[in-house]
Amino acid sequence: MRQAGRYLPEYRALRAEKGGFLALATDPEAAAEVTLQPIRRFGFDGAILFSDILMVPWALGQDLTFGPGEGPRLAPRADTREAIARLSPVDSARLAPIHETVRRVASALPDGVTFLGFAGSPWTVATYMIAGQGSKDQAEARSLAYADPGAMAALVDLIVDATVTYLADQHAAGVEAVQLFDSWAGSLSPAQFERWVIAPNAAITARLKALCPDLVVIGFPKGAGGKLPAYARETGVDAVGLDETVDPVWANSVLPAGMPVQGNLDPLALMAGGEALDDGVDRILAAFADRPHVFNLGHGIGQHTPIGHVERLIDRVRNAR
């Protein structure tokens, strides 16, 4: 969950030197360095590839920019059948630097440190491609899905194909597990969730398992709430990530027996530290004491998180084993 990022001074220095996020993420030497920085500082059990979920639409021909003080922008928007039809086949040259980053990191990681890659899930990626940016309620994508489900299906199918290839190539280059980020899964109704979250993620997982039988797939349907058990049962993922709004006791009671979970400390509890941090850690560890569990945040670490709080979190989790 963004274990490398703006809360680390070494990251801020390198990003300033490179002049922006995209330049940093597509420079294999720099991106590998960023991926390794938190491993050196904290000794985490797993390293997370430094990249972005919008590399797939970039590879499909949309221009991707990260302006100062604003979120990502994609152009032209893929918001009509005609615009979707104009998207190009995957440009492997745009993804080549990411795979080179993976190779560099895989060769540099200490023994025993797991290497995780990732991609955005089709629904979440589609919301950015349709709106050209992040949006508060994903209204543009939801409207297209209702008004022209055929167009949405064409876009989602395109993203599924590109994502399978992208993640299989990450695995070939050295990652041992991948996570599918569905950051906006919570914006859909139950029927739409089944069609645009569960079905595409199930397709990706099945195809990845056929191509890469030893690859571990983690699904993260942020905001899924009561739809989480269906996601866990029907997508075929090996593990599920939980956002900070999920009650860990409830999750433990409704998820398939023995399914590993990942999560789900509130990033703001980590930022606050003290009793809020300690209580959050203790509740999560207790809830998943009898289930395979990867301790993690419920979403990305905030840029103003004190490094001392991260160190305290690691100490509490490791001493609780």
Protein backbone atom coordinates (compact mmCIF):
# COMPACT_ATOMS: atom_id res chain seq x y z
CA MET A 1 0.00 0.00 0.00
CA ARG A 2 2.44 2.60 -1.28
CA GLN A 3 5.18 1.50 1.10
CA ALA A 4 7.49 3.64 -1.05
CA GLY A 5 6.36 7.24 -1.25
CA ARG A 6 6.37 10.79 -0.09
CA TYR A 7 6.64 10.01 3.62
CA LEU A 8 10.25 8.93 2.96
CA PRO A 9 12.85 11.69 2.53
CA GLU A 10 14.95 9.50 0.24
CA TYR A 11 11.95 9.11 -2.08
CA ARG A 12 11.23 12.84 -2.13
CA ALA A 13 14.83 13.57 -3.04
CA LEU A 14 14.87 11.13 -5.94
CA ARG A 15 11.48 12.28 -7.26
CA ALA A 16 12.67 15.91 -7.23
CA GLU A 17 15.77 14.87 -9.14
CA LYS A 18 13.76 13.03 -11.81
CA GLY A 19 11.24 15.84 -12.20
CA GLY A 20 7.93 14.00 -11.84
CA PHE A 21 6.15 10.75 -11.16
CA LEU A 22 5.97 9.33 -14.69
CA ALA A 23 9.63 10.04 -15.35
CA LEU A 24 10.49 8.27 -12.11
CA ALA A 25 8.23 5.27 -12.70
CA THR A 26 9.54 4.67 -16.23
CA ASP A 27 13.24 4.93 -15.31
CA PRO A 28 14.14 1.34 -14.33
CA GLU A 29 17.18 2.31 -12.29
CA ALA A 30 15.28 4.96 -10.33
CA ALA A 31 12.08 2.91 -9.95
CA ALA A 32 14.08 -0.05 -8.68
CA GLU A 33 15.81 2.20 -6.18
CA VAL A 34 12.45 3.52 -4.94
CA THR A 35 11.09 -0.02 -4.62
CA LEU A 36 14.11 -1.03 -2.52
CA GLN A 37 14.20 2.05 -0.27
CA PRO A 38 11.59 0.88 2.27
CA ILE A 39 13.12 -2.61 2.35
CA ARG A 40 16.46 -1.12 3.37
CA ARG A 41 14.92 1.24 5.90
CA PHE A 42 12.32 -1.04 7.53
CA GLY A 43 13.13 -4.61 6.52
CA PHE A 44 9.59 -5.36 5.34
CA ASP A 45 8.72 -8.97 4.49
CA GLY A 46 7.64 -8.00 0.98
CA ALA A 47 8.63 -5.40 -1.60
CA ILE A 48 5.95 -3.72 -3.71
CA LEU A 49 6.79 -2.69 -7.26
CA PHE A 50 6.90 1.08 -7.66
CA SER A 51 4.54 1.86 -10.52
CA ASP A 52 0.95 3.00 -11.11
CA ILE A 53 -2.35 1.38 -12.07
CA LEU A 54 -2.63 3.67 -15.12
CA MET A 55 0.28 2.11 -16.98
CA VAL A 56 -2.20 -0.13 -18.81
CA PRO A 57 -4.29 2.70 -20.34
CA TRP A 58 -1.03 4.46 -21.18
CA ALA A 59 0.06 1.31 -23.03
CA LEU A 60 -3.32 1.27 -24.80
CA GLY A 61 -2.61 4.65 -26.36
CA GLN A 62 -3.94 7.26 -23.97
CA ASP A 63 -1.62 10.08 -23.03
CA LEU A 64 -0.84 10.04 -19.29
CA THR A 65 0.27 13.08 -17.34
CA PHE A 66 0.71 13.90 -13.66
CA GLY A 67 0.47 17.66 -13.23
CA PRO A 68 1.85 19.43 -10.15
CA GLY A 69 -0.69 19.35 -7.33
CA GLU A 70 -3.28 17.36 -9.27
CA GLY A 71 -4.11 13.75 -9.97
CA PRO A 72 -3.39 11.83 -13.17
CA ARG A 73 -4.91 12.88 -16.47
CA LEU A 74 -5.65 10.60 -19.44
CA ALA A 75 -6.45 11.80 -22.96
CA PRO A 76 -8.32 11.38 -25.18
CA ARG A 77 -11.18 10.09 -23.08
CA ALA A 78 -12.48 6.60 -23.90
CA ASP A 79 -16.11 7.56 -23.28
CA THR A 80 -17.87 6.42 -26.47
CA ARG A 81 -17.89 3.32 -28.66
CA GLU A 82 -15.94 5.24 -31.28
CA ALA A 83 -13.29 6.42 -28.82
CA ILE A 84 -12.90 2.92 -27.40
CA ALA A 85 -12.50 1.49 -30.91
CA ARG A 86 -9.68 3.96 -31.55
CA LEU A 87 -7.57 2.65 -28.66
CA SER A 88 -4.42 0.99 -29.90
CA PRO A 89 -3.08 -2.50 -29.26
CA VAL A 90 -0.81 -2.66 -26.23
CA ASP A 91 2.40 -0.74 -26.84
CA SER A 92 4.92 -3.10 -25.27
CA ALA A 93 7.62 -0.43 -25.48
CA ARG A 94 5.75 1.65 -22.90
CA LEU A 95 5.63 -1.29 -20.48
CA ALA A 96 9.19 -2.49 -21.10
CA PRO A 97 10.71 -0.15 -18.45
CA ILE A 98 8.39 -1.60 -15.78
CA HIS A 99 9.48 -5.13 -16.58
CA GLU A 100 13.13 -4.04 -16.47
CA THR A 101 12.45 -2.51 -13.06
CA VAL A 102 11.09 -5.87 -11.91
CA ARG A 103 14.22 -7.68 -13.10
CA ARG A 104 16.49 -5.21 -11.30
CA VAL A 105 14.57 -5.44 -8.04
CA ALA A 106 14.29 -9.23 -8.17
CA SER A 107 18.06 -9.52 -8.50
CA ALA A 108 18.69 -7.13 -5.60
CA LEU A 109 16.18 -8.25 -2.96
CA PRO A 110 17.48 -10.04 0.13
CA ASP A 111 16.66 -13.74 0.43
CA GLY A 112 13.24 -14.35 1.92
CA VAL A 113 11.71 -11.02 0.87
CA THR A 114 8.66 -11.57 -1.32
CA PHE A 115 8.25 -9.43 -4.43
CA LEU A 116 4.74 -8.22 -5.27
CA GLY A 117 3.61 -6.69 -8.54
CA PHE A 118 0.20 -5.22 -9.30
CA ALA A 119 -2.26 -3.81 -11.78
CA GLY A 120 -5.53 -1.96 -11.63
CA SER A 121 -8.67 -4.05 -12.00
CA PRO A 122 -10.72 -3.41 -15.15
CA TRP A 123 -13.57 -1.46 -13.55
CA THR A 124 -11.27 0.95 -11.74
CA VAL A 125 -8.99 1.42 -14.75
CA ALA A 126 -12.04 1.99 -16.96
CA THR A 127 -13.32 4.77 -14.68
CA TYR A 128 -10.12 6.73 -15.29
CA MET A 129 -10.09 6.00 -19.02
CA ILE A 130 -13.69 7.15 -19.45
CA ALA A 131 -13.52 10.30 -17.30
CA GLY A 132 -9.93 11.16 -18.23
CA GLN A 133 -9.14 11.52 -14.52
CA GLY A 134 -10.24 10.41 -11.10
CA SER A 135 -13.81 11.31 -10.15
CA LYS A 136 -15.75 11.61 -6.94
CA ASP A 137 -18.46 9.06 -7.68
CA GLN A 138 -17.36 7.52 -11.01
CA ALA A 139 -20.56 8.90 -12.55
CA GLU A 140 -19.19 8.96 -16.11
CA ALA A 141 -18.26 5.28 -16.07
CA ARG A 142 -21.41 4.21 -14.25
CA SER A 143 -23.54 6.14 -16.73
CA LEU A 144 -21.81 4.52 -19.71
CA ALA A 145 -22.25 1.07 -18.15
CA TYR A 146 -26.00 1.64 -17.86
CA ALA A 147 -26.54 3.48 -21.15
CA ASP A 148 -24.29 1.39 -23.38
CA PRO A 149 -23.21 -1.83 -21.66
CA GLY A 150 -21.82 -3.09 -24.96
CA ALA A 151 -19.34 -0.22 -25.09
CA MET A 152 -18.36 -0.79 -21.46
CA ALA A 153 -17.92 -4.50 -22.14
CA ALA A 154 -15.64 -3.74 -25.09
CA LEU A 155 -13.48 -1.48 -22.93
CA VAL A 156 -13.39 -3.92 -20.01
CA ASP A 157 -12.47 -6.82 -22.31
CA LEU A 158 -9.62 -4.75 -23.74
CA ILE A 159 -8.34 -4.00 -20.23
CA VAL A 160 -8.66 -7.66 -19.20
CA ASP A 161 -6.51 -8.78 -22.15
CA ALA A 162 -3.87 -6.12 -21.52
CA THR A 163 -3.78 -6.81 -17.78
CA VAL A 164 -3.28 -10.55 -18.18
CA THR A 165 -0.31 -9.96 -20.47
CA TYR A 166 1.08 -7.21 -18.24
CA LEU A 167 0.94 -9.30 -15.06
CA ALA A 168 2.20 -12.48 -16.72
CA ASP A 169 5.18 -10.47 -17.96
CA GLN A 170 5.74 -9.07 -14.46
CA HIS A 171 5.81 -12.64 -13.15
CA ALA A 172 8.23 -13.73 -15.86
CA ALA A 173 10.51 -10.86 -14.87
CA GLY A 174 10.52 -11.79 -11.19
CA VAL A 175 7.42 -10.97 -9.11
CA GLU A 176 6.03 -13.81 -7.01
CA ALA A 177 2.56 -12.42 -6.33
CA VAL A 178 0.35 -9.76 -7.86
CA GLN A 179 -2.47 -7.64 -6.51
CA LEU A 180 -5.50 -6.49 -8.48
CA PHE A 181 -6.53 -3.04 -7.24
CA ASP A 182 -10.22 -2.29 -7.64
CA SER A 183 -10.08 1.03 -5.86
CA TRP A 184 -13.58 2.11 -6.97
CA ALA A 185 -15.40 -1.22 -6.58
CA GLY A 186 -17.56 0.31 -3.86
CA SER A 187 -19.34 2.68 -6.24
CA LEU A 188 -21.37 -0.04 -7.96
CA SER A 189 -24.79 -1.56 -7.24
CA PRO A 190 -24.84 -5.33 -6.49
CA ALA A 191 -25.77 -6.33 -10.04
CA GLN A 192 -23.23 -3.97 -11.57
CA PHE A 193 -20.61 -5.20 -9.09
CA GLU A 194 -21.19 -8.76 -10.30
CA ARG A 195 -20.78 -7.73 -13.94
CA TRP A 196 -17.96 -5.19 -13.79
CA VAL A 197 -15.94 -6.30 -10.75
CA ILE A 198 -16.41 -10.02 -10.09
CA ALA A 199 -16.60 -11.26 -13.70
CA PRO A 200 -13.54 -9.37 -15.07
CA ASN A 201 -11.39 -10.19 -12.04
CA ALA A 202 -12.42 -13.84 -12.32
CA ALA A 203 -11.41 -13.82 -15.99
CA ILE A 204 -8.00 -12.29 -15.21
CA THR A 205 -7.36 -14.73 -12.36
CA ALA A 206 -8.31 -17.80 -14.40
CA ARG A 207 -6.15 -16.78 -17.33
CA LEU A 208 -3.19 -15.92 -15.12
CA LYS A 209 -3.45 -19.27 -13.34
CA ALA A 210 -3.38 -21.03 -16.70
CA LEU A 211 -0.30 -19.07 -17.80
CA CYS A 212 1.49 -18.91 -14.45
CA PRO A 213 0.36 -21.76 -12.17
CA ASP A 214 2.65 -20.69 -9.32
CA LEU A 215 1.62 -17.03 -9.31
CA VAL A 216 -0.28 -15.85 -6.22
CA VAL A 217 -3.16 -13.46 -6.99
CA ILE A 218 -4.49 -11.08 -4.33
CA GLY A 219 -7.74 -9.23 -4.96
CA PHE A 220 -8.45 -5.85 -3.37
CA PRO A 221 -12.05 -4.70 -3.95
CA LYS A 222 -12.01 -1.47 -1.97
CA GLY A 223 -15.42 -0.54 -0.65
CA ALA A 224 -16.99 -3.92 -1.47
CA GLY A 225 -18.58 -4.16 1.98
CA GLY A 226 -21.24 -6.87 2.06
CA LYS A 227 -20.26 -8.01 -1.44
CA LEU A 228 -16.82 -9.09 -0.18
CA PRO A 229 -17.74 -12.77 0.46
CA ALA A 230 -19.08 -13.17 -3.08
CA TYR A 231 -15.93 -11.57 -4.47
CA ALA A 232 -13.76 -13.99 -2.48
CA ARG A 233 -15.75 -17.03 -3.57
CA GLU A 234 -16.31 -16.19 -7.21
CA THR A 235 -13.14 -14.52 -8.50
CA GLY A 236 -10.74 -17.38 -7.77
CA VAL A 237 -8.18 -15.11 -6.09
CA ASP A 238 -5.81 -16.70 -3.60
CA ALA A 239 -6.22 -13.95 -0.99
CA VAL A 240 -8.27 -10.82 -0.41
CA GLY A 241 -7.19 -7.38 0.69
CA LEU A 242 -9.47 -5.53 3.10
CA ASP A 243 -9.88 -1.77 3.23
CA GLU A 244 -10.00 0.05 6.55
CA THR A 245 -13.82 0.18 6.66
CA VAL A 246 -14.14 -3.62 6.90
CA ASP A 247 -14.75 -5.03 10.38
CA PRO A 248 -12.02 -7.69 10.71
CA VAL A 249 -14.16 -9.83 13.04
CA TRP A 250 -16.98 -9.83 10.48
CA ALA A 251 -14.57 -10.56 7.62
CA ASN A 252 -13.11 -13.50 9.50
CA SER A 253 -16.60 -14.91 10.03
CA VAL A 254 -17.85 -14.64 6.43
CA LEU A 255 -14.81 -15.31 4.25
CA PRO A 256 -14.01 -18.86 3.08
CA ALA A 257 -12.25 -20.89 5.76
CA GLY A 258 -8.50 -20.75 5.40
CA MET A 259 -8.47 -17.98 2.79
CA PRO A 260 -5.59 -15.60 3.52
CA VAL A 261 -6.47 -11.97 4.12
CA GLN A 262 -4.42 -8.80 3.87
CA GLY A 263 -5.04 -5.63 5.82
CA ASN A 264 -6.52 -3.55 7.19
CA LEU A 265 -5.19 -0.85 9.51
CA ASP A 266 -6.58 2.63 8.86
CA PRO A 267 -3.74 4.76 7.42
CA LEU A 268 -4.90 7.62 9.63
CA ALA A 269 -4.46 5.46 12.74
CA LEU A 270 -0.89 4.90 11.63
CA MET A 271 -0.46 8.62 11.09
CA ALA A 272 -1.91 9.39 14.53
CA GLY A 273 0.23 6.83 16.32
CA GLY A 274 -0.03 6.20 20.04
CA GLU A 275 -3.15 4.52 21.39
CA ALA A 276 -4.98 4.69 18.05
CA LEU A 277 -2.20 2.76 16.37
CA ASP A 278 -1.76 0.21 19.15
CA ASP A 279 -5.50 -0.46 19.45
CA GLY A 280 -5.89 -0.86 15.70
CA VAL A 281 -3.01 -3.32 15.49
CA ASP A 282 -4.27 -5.37 18.43
CA ARG A 283 -7.83 -5.63 17.09
CA ILE A 284 -6.69 -6.82 13.66
CA LEU A 285 -4.20 -9.35 15.00
CA ALA A 286 -6.81 -10.77 17.35
CA ALA A 287 -9.45 -11.06 14.63
CA PHE A 288 -7.19 -13.01 12.28
CA ALA A 289 -5.28 -15.04 14.86
CA ASP A 290 -6.48 -18.33 13.35
CA ARG A 291 -6.35 -17.35 9.67
CA PRO A 292 -3.39 -16.75 7.31
CA HIS A 293 -2.89 -13.00 7.48
CA VAL A 294 -0.62 -10.45 5.82
CA PHE A 295 -0.60 -7.38 8.05
CA ASN A 296 -1.04 -4.27 5.96
CA LEU A 297 -2.84 -0.98 5.78
CA GLY A 298 -6.39 -0.66 4.51
CA HIS A 299 -5.22 1.77 1.84
CA GLY A 300 -2.11 3.77 0.92
CA ILE A 301 0.19 5.24 3.55
CA GLY A 302 -0.23 9.00 3.91
CA GLN A 303 2.61 11.30 2.96
CA HIS A 304 2.69 12.96 6.40
CA THR A 305 3.02 9.68 8.31
CA PRO A 306 5.90 9.90 10.83
CA ILE A 307 8.57 7.31 10.16
CA GLY A 308 8.67 6.51 13.88
CA HIS A 309 5.04 5.35 13.69
CA VAL A 310 5.90 2.90 10.91
CA GLU A 311 8.75 1.56 13.02
CA ARG A 312 6.40 1.13 15.99
CA LEU A 313 3.87 -0.70 13.83
CA ILE A 314 6.49 -3.15 12.60
CA ASP A 315 7.76 -3.76 16.12
CA ARG A 316 4.28 -4.46 17.51
CA VAL A 317 3.34 -6.85 14.70
CA ARG A 318 6.59 -8.78 14.83
CA ASN A 319 6.63 -9.04 18.61
CA ALA A 320 3.08 -10.38 18.56
CA ARG A 321 4.06 -13.46 16.56
